[in-house]
C-alpha atoms as a PDB file:
ATOM      1  CA  MET A   1     229.102  66.970  49.878  1.00  0.00           C
ATOM      2  CA  THR A   2     228.754  70.151  51.929  1.00  0.00           C
ATOM      3  CA  SER A   3     230.931  70.810  54.880  1.00  0.00           C
ATOM      4  CA  ARG A   4     229.522  71.284  58.351  1.00  0.00           C
ATOM      5  CA  PRO A   5     230.593  74.957  58.840  1.00  0.00           C
ATOM      6  CA  HIS A   6     228.685  76.020  55.743  1.00  0.00           C
ATOM      7  CA  GLY A   7     225.446  74.482  57.168  1.00  0.00           C
ATOM      8  CA  VAL A   8     225.961  76.291  60.463  1.00  0.00           C
ATOM      9  CA  ALA A   9     226.413  79.586  58.624  1.00  0.00           C
ATOM     10  CA  VAL A  10     223.166  79.105  56.715  1.00  0.00           C
ATOM     11  CA  HIS A  11     221.242  78.308  59.903  1.00  0.00           C
ATOM     12  CA  LEU A  12     222.809  81.275  61.659  1.00  0.00           C
ATOM     13  CA  PHE A  13     221.882  83.532  58.747  1.00  0.00           C
ATOM     14  CA  LEU A  14     218.281  82.267  58.786  1.00  0.00           C
ATOM     15  CA  TRP A  15     217.957  82.835  62.531  1.00  0.00           C
ATOM     16  CA  LEU A  16     219.427  86.325  62.264  1.00  0.00           C
ATOM     17  CA  ALA A  17     217.086  87.114  59.350  1.00  0.00           C
ATOM     18  CA  ILE A  18     214.080  85.990  61.415  1.00  0.00           C
ATOM     19  CA  VAL A  19     215.201  88.041  64.433  1.00  0.00           C
ATOM     20  CA  PHE A  20     215.774  91.054  62.178  1.00  0.00           C
ATOM     21  CA  LEU A  21     212.329  90.759  60.545  1.00  0.00           C
ATOM     22  CA  VAL A  22     210.560  90.319  63.867  1.00  0.00           C
ATOM     23  CA  GLY A  23     212.509  93.252  65.285  1.00  0.00           C
ATOM     24  CA  CYS A  24     211.483  95.421  62.337  1.00  0.00           C
ATOM     25  CA  LEU A  25     207.837  94.338  62.171  1.00  0.00           C
ATOM     26  CA  ALA A  26     206.956  94.070  65.867  1.00  0.00           C
ATOM     27  CA  PRO A  27     207.083  97.805  66.756  1.00  0.00           C
ATOM     28  CA  PRO A  28     204.796  98.893  63.882  1.00  0.00           C
ATOM     29  CA  ALA A  29     202.428  96.007  64.664  1.00  0.00           C
ATOM     30  CA  ILE A  30     202.257  97.049  68.311  1.00  0.00           C
ATOM     31  CA  MET A  31     201.649 100.684  67.318  1.00  0.00           C
ATOM     32  CA  VAL A  32     198.796  99.632  65.008  1.00  0.00           C
ATOM     33  CA  TYR A  33     197.284  97.512  67.789  1.00  0.00           C
ATOM     34  CA  TRP A  34     197.510 100.431  70.230  1.00  0.00           C
ATOM     35  CA  ALA A  35     196.029 102.839  67.672  1.00  0.00           C
ATOM     36  CA  LEU A  36     193.039 100.521  67.113  1.00  0.00           C
ATOM     37  CA  ASP A  37     192.516 100.080  70.870  1.00  0.00           C
ATOM     38  CA  ARG A  38     189.691 102.605  71.312  1.00  0.00           C
ATOM     39  CA  HIS A  39     187.304 100.567  73.511  1.00  0.00           C
ATOM     40  CA  LEU A  40     185.951 102.284  76.615  1.00  0.00           C
ATOM     41  CA  PRO A  41     187.050 100.689  79.881  1.00  0.00           C
ATOM     42  CA  LEU A  42     183.595 101.476  81.326  1.00  0.00           C
ATOM     43  CA  THR A  43     180.340 101.148  79.400  1.00  0.00           C
ATOM     44  CA  ALA A  44     176.754 101.947  80.349  1.00  0.00           C
ATOM     45  CA  LEU A  45     178.250 104.819  82.349  1.00  0.00           C
ATOM     46  CA  SER A  46     175.574 106.837  84.078  1.00  0.00           C
ATOM     47  CA  ALA A  47     175.319 109.164  87.042  1.00  0.00           C
ATOM     48  CA  ARG A  48     172.683 110.529  89.356  1.00  0.00           C
ATOM     49  CA  PHE A  49     172.450 113.169  92.048  1.00  0.00           C
ATOM     50  CA  ALA A  50     172.620 111.190  95.300  1.00  0.00           C
ATOM     51  CA  GLY A  51     172.013 114.051  97.750  1.00  0.00           C
ATOM     52  CA  TRP A  52     173.846 116.692  99.699  1.00  0.00           C
ATOM     53  CA  ASP A  53     176.733 115.920 102.023  1.00  0.00           C
ATOM     54  CA  GLY A  54     175.478 116.980 105.431  1.00  0.00           C
ATOM     55  CA  GLY A  55     178.971 117.377 106.865  1.00  0.00           C
ATOM     56  CA  ARG A  56     180.316 119.710 104.184  1.00  0.00           C
ATOM     57  CA  PRO A  57     178.476 122.812 102.986  1.00  0.00           C
ATOM     58  CA  ASN A  58     177.777 123.211  99.251  1.00  0.00           C
ATOM     59  CA  THR A  59     178.881 119.640  98.536  1.00  0.00           C
ATOM     60  CA  ALA A  60     176.763 117.404  96.339  1.00  0.00           C
ATOM     61  CA  LEU A  61     177.174 113.650  96.076  1.00  0.00           C
ATOM     62  CA  VAL A  62     177.059 112.093  92.607  1.00  0.00           C
ATOM     63  CA  GLU A  63     176.780 108.321  92.261  1.00  0.00           C
ATOM     64  CA  TRP A  64     178.338 106.814  89.124  1.00  0.00           C
ATOM     65  CA  THR A  65     177.493 103.370  87.749  1.00  0.00           C
ATOM     66  CA  GLY A  66     179.111 101.495  84.870  1.00  0.00           C
ATOM     67  CA  VAL A  67     180.145  98.072  83.650  1.00  0.00           C
ATOM     68  CA  ARG A  68     183.908  97.671  83.908  1.00  0.00           C
ATOM     69  CA  HIS A  69     185.662  95.817  81.099  1.00  0.00           C
ATOM     70  CA  ARG A  70     189.259  96.605  82.010  1.00  0.00           C
ATOM     71  CA  SER A  71     191.212  98.684  84.471  1.00  0.00           C
ATOM     72  CA  CYS A  72     192.783 101.810  83.024  1.00  0.00           C
ATOM     73  CA  PRO A  73     193.878 104.967  84.824  1.00  0.00           C
ATOM     74  CA  GLY A  74     191.725 107.909  83.881  1.00  0.00           C
ATOM     75  CA  THR A  75     190.987 111.540  84.592  1.00  0.00           C
ATOM     76  CA  ALA A  76     187.615 113.244  84.875  1.00  0.00           C
ATOM     77  CA  TYR A  77     187.607 116.850  83.661  1.00  0.00           C
ATOM     78  CA  ARG A  78     184.651 118.502  85.383  1.00  0.00           C
ATOM     79  CA  TRP A  79     182.487 121.633  85.139  1.00  0.00           C
ATOM     80  CA  LEU A  80     179.322 123.037  86.600  1.00  0.00           C
ATOM     81  CA  VAL A  81     177.035 124.634  84.040  1.00  0.00           C
ATOM     82  CA  GLY A  82     173.921 126.691  84.531  1.00  0.00           C
ATOM     83  CA  ASP A  83     172.336 130.073  83.927  1.00  0.00           C
ATOM     84  CA  GLY A  84     174.598 130.612  80.916  1.00  0.00           C
ATOM     85  CA  ARG A  85     177.738 130.271  83.030  1.00  0.00           C
ATOM     86  CA  VAL A  86     180.446 127.638  83.384  1.00  0.00           C
ATOM     87  CA  TRP A  87     182.368 126.967  86.594  1.00  0.00           C
ATOM     88  CA  PRO A  88     185.488 124.822  86.074  1.00  0.00           C
ATOM     89  CA  LEU A  89     186.168 122.277  88.812  1.00  0.00           C
ATOM     90  CA  PRO A  90     189.482 120.570  89.567  1.00  0.00           C
ATOM     91  CA  ALA A  91     190.209 117.458  87.533  1.00  0.00           C
ATOM     92  CA  GLU A  92     189.819 114.217  89.445  1.00  0.00           C
ATOM     93  CA  LEU A  93     191.311 110.768  89.002  1.00  0.00           C
ATOM     94  CA  VAL A  94     188.797 108.089  88.014  1.00  0.00           C
ATOM     95  CA  PRO A  95     188.932 105.131  90.407  1.00  0.00           C
ATOM     96  CA  TYR A  96     189.988 101.877  88.798  1.00  0.00           C
ATOM     97  CA  ALA A  97     190.275  98.494  90.470  1.00  0.00           C
ATOM     98  CA  GLY A  98     190.234 100.277  93.786  1.00  0.00           C
ATOM     99  CA  SER A  99     188.567  99.714  97.120  1.00  0.00           C
ATOM    100  CA  THR A 100     185.974 102.455  96.491  1.00  0.00           C
ATOM    101  CA  GLU A 101     184.003 100.296  94.066  1.00  0.00           C
ATOM    102  CA  THR A 102     181.268  97.753  94.692  1.00  0.00           C
ATOM    103  CA  PHE A 103     180.550  95.092  92.112  1.00  0.00           C
ATOM    104  CA  GLU A 104     176.956  93.987  91.593  1.00  0.00           C
ATOM    105  CA  GLY A 105     176.376  91.790  88.576  1.00  0.00           C
ATOM    106  CA  GLY A 106     179.361  93.243  86.731  1.00  0.00           C
ATOM    107  CA  ALA A 107     178.491  96.856  87.565  1.00  0.00           C
ATOM    108  CA  SER A 108     180.926  99.173  89.307  1.00  0.00           C
ATOM    109  CA  ARG A 109     179.551 101.916  91.509  1.00  0.00           C
ATOM    110  CA  TRP A 110     181.336 104.830  93.167  1.00  0.00           C
ATOM    111  CA  VAL A 111     180.399 108.150  94.721  1.00  0.00           C
ATOM    112  CA  VAL A 112     182.078 111.486  93.984  1.00  0.00           C
ATOM    113  CA  ALA A 113     181.783 114.583  96.178  1.00  0.00           C
ATOM    114  CA  VAL A 114     181.342 117.784  94.157  1.00  0.00           C
ATOM    115  CA  THR A 115     181.965 121.047  95.991  1.00  0.00           C
ATOM    116  CA  LEU A 116     179.917 123.822  94.415  1.00  0.00           C
ATOM    117  CA  PRO A 117     181.283 127.370  94.280  1.00  0.00           C
ATOM    118  CA  ALA A 118     179.175 129.779  96.344  1.00  0.00           C
ATOM    119  CA  ASP A 119     178.035 131.805  93.327  1.00  0.00           C
ATOM    120  CA  ALA A 120     176.935 128.584  91.550  1.00  0.00           C
ATOM    121  CA  THR A 121     174.471 127.732  94.325  1.00  0.00           C
ATOM    122  CA  GLU A 122     172.949 131.210  94.151  1.00  0.00           C
ATOM    123  CA  SER A 123     172.478 131.278  90.378  1.00  0.00           C
ATOM    124  CA  GLY A 124     169.677 128.717  90.149  1.00  0.00           C
ATOM    125  CA  PRO A 125     169.653 125.221  88.686  1.00  0.00           C
ATOM    126  CA  THR A 126     173.038 123.827  87.774  1.00  0.00           C
ATOM    127  CA  ALA A 127     174.277 120.643  86.163  1.00  0.00           C
ATOM    128  CA  TYR A 128     177.464 118.638  86.575  1.00  0.00           C
ATOM    129  CA  ARG A 129     179.306 117.992  83.297  1.00  0.00           C
ATOM    130  CA  VAL A 130     182.172 115.502  83.005  1.00  0.00           C
ATOM    131  CA  ASN A 131     184.531 114.465  80.224  1.00  0.00           C
ATOM    132  CA  PHE A 132     186.457 111.261  80.948  1.00  0.00           C
ATOM    133  CA  GLU A 133     189.879 110.494  79.468  1.00  0.00           C
ATOM    134  CA  TRP A 134     191.505 107.078  79.925  1.00  0.00           C
ATOM    135  CA  GLU A 135     195.044 105.845  79.204  1.00  0.00           C
ATOM    136  CA  CYS A 136     194.896 102.100  78.536  1.00  0.00           C
ATOM    137  CA  ASN A 137     198.191 101.882  76.614  1.00  0.00           C
ATOM    138  CA  PRO A 138     201.208 104.170  76.082  1.00  0.00           C
ATOM    139  CA  LEU A 139     199.780 105.728  72.890  1.00  0.00           C
ATOM    140  CA  HIS A 140     196.764 106.954  74.870  1.00  0.00           C
ATOM    141  CA  ARG A 141     198.976 109.447  76.688  1.00  0.00           C
ATOM    142  CA  TRP A 142     198.783 111.569  73.517  1.00  0.00           C
ATOM    143  CA  TRP A 143     195.470 110.236  72.129  1.00  0.00           C
ATOM    144  CA  PRO A 144     193.313 109.160  75.088  1.00  0.00           C
ATOM    145  CA  VAL A 145     190.075 107.228  74.962  1.00  0.00           C
ATOM    146  CA  THR A 146     187.392 109.817  75.776  1.00  0.00           C
ATOM    147  CA  PHE A 147     183.765 109.798  76.833  1.00  0.00           C
ATOM    148  CA  THR A 148     181.503 112.734  77.677  1.00  0.00           C
ATOM    149  CA  ALA A 149     178.807 111.741  80.145  1.00  0.00           C
ATOM    150  CA  GLU A 150     175.312 113.165  80.157  1.00  0.00           C
ATOM    151  CA  ASP A 151     174.888 116.196  82.411  1.00  0.00           C
ATOM    152  CA  VAL A 152     173.789 115.429  85.968  1.00  0.00           C
ATOM    153  CA  PRO A 153     171.231 118.034  87.056  1.00  0.00           C
ATOM    154  CA  PHE A 154     171.364 119.281  90.619  1.00  0.00           C
ATOM    155  CA  PRO A 155     168.153 120.379  92.352  1.00  0.00           C
ATOM    156  CA  SER A 156     167.335 124.029  91.968  1.00  0.00           C
ATOM    157  CA  SER A 157     167.091 124.407  95.737  1.00  0.00           C
ATOM    158  CA  SER A 158     170.247 125.463  97.498  1.00  0.00           C
ATOM    159  CA  PRO A 159     172.088 122.891  99.556  1.00  0.00           C
ATOM    160  CA  PRO A 160     171.229 122.828 103.235  1.00  0.00           C
ATOM    161  CA  PRO A 161     173.367 125.137 105.333  1.00  0.00           C
ATOM    162  CA  ALA A 162     176.161 123.610 107.309  1.00  0.00           C
ATOM    163  CA  GLY A 163     175.110 122.500 110.742  1.00  0.00           C
ATOM    164  CA  PRO A 164     176.406 124.113 113.896  1.00  0.00           C
ATOM    165  CA  PRO A 165     180.055 123.507 114.630  1.00  0.00           C
ATOM    166  CA  PRO A 166     180.738 120.564 116.941  1.00  0.00           C
ATOM    167  CA  PRO A 167     181.169 121.420 120.617  1.00  0.00           C
ATOM    168  CA  PRO A 168     184.752 121.909 121.725  1.00  0.00           C
ATOM    169  CA  SER A 169     186.352 118.862 123.261  1.00  0.00           C
ATOM    170  CA  PRO A 170     186.998 119.030 127.005  1.00  0.00           C
ATOM    171  CA  PRO A 171     190.548 119.881 128.015  1.00  0.00           C
ATOM    172  CA  ARG A 172     192.739 116.896 128.756  1.00  0.00           C
ATOM    173  CA  GLU A 173     193.999 116.487 132.226  1.00  0.00           C
ATOM    174  CA  ALA A 174     197.671 115.924 132.814  1.00  0.00           C
ATOM    175  CA  PRO A 175     198.494 112.449 134.088  1.00  0.00           C
ATOM    176  CA  PRO A 176     199.419 112.341 137.788  1.00  0.00           C
END
């Protein structure tokens, strides 16, 4: 007949063995899952030239449309290309689960303002080129999910000049 303390020791050993195995196998399993997680958060991503921003000179509006599958922070690395030249633009955060989106039948839509350098508007037709990088899990910080969108051509005509400045506001009178 076995004594009670020996049974407790066996159960304790089994529980510790299970905890040890899970502790050793869980991190590699999570890393493999993260490494295989290469699905784009947005699919059917497309863009079109939506017009010129009348309030800001040399600013084009680009409307993006895509089907959102999950919310991941992302960065859009942007360039203007044309006439054999490349004009780098500042990187921009990609909106995700924000108030700037409208959902129509699963599609997300947002508008981005693109300020064109002065020499880009004078060189002829240009196109807007974007490479998206998303971080949907911690491993994506070093190996992001990427997507290069098709170039968005801008019209060859220059943007309309900025309108006249607004009239100055009347001076405020001091209260009596």
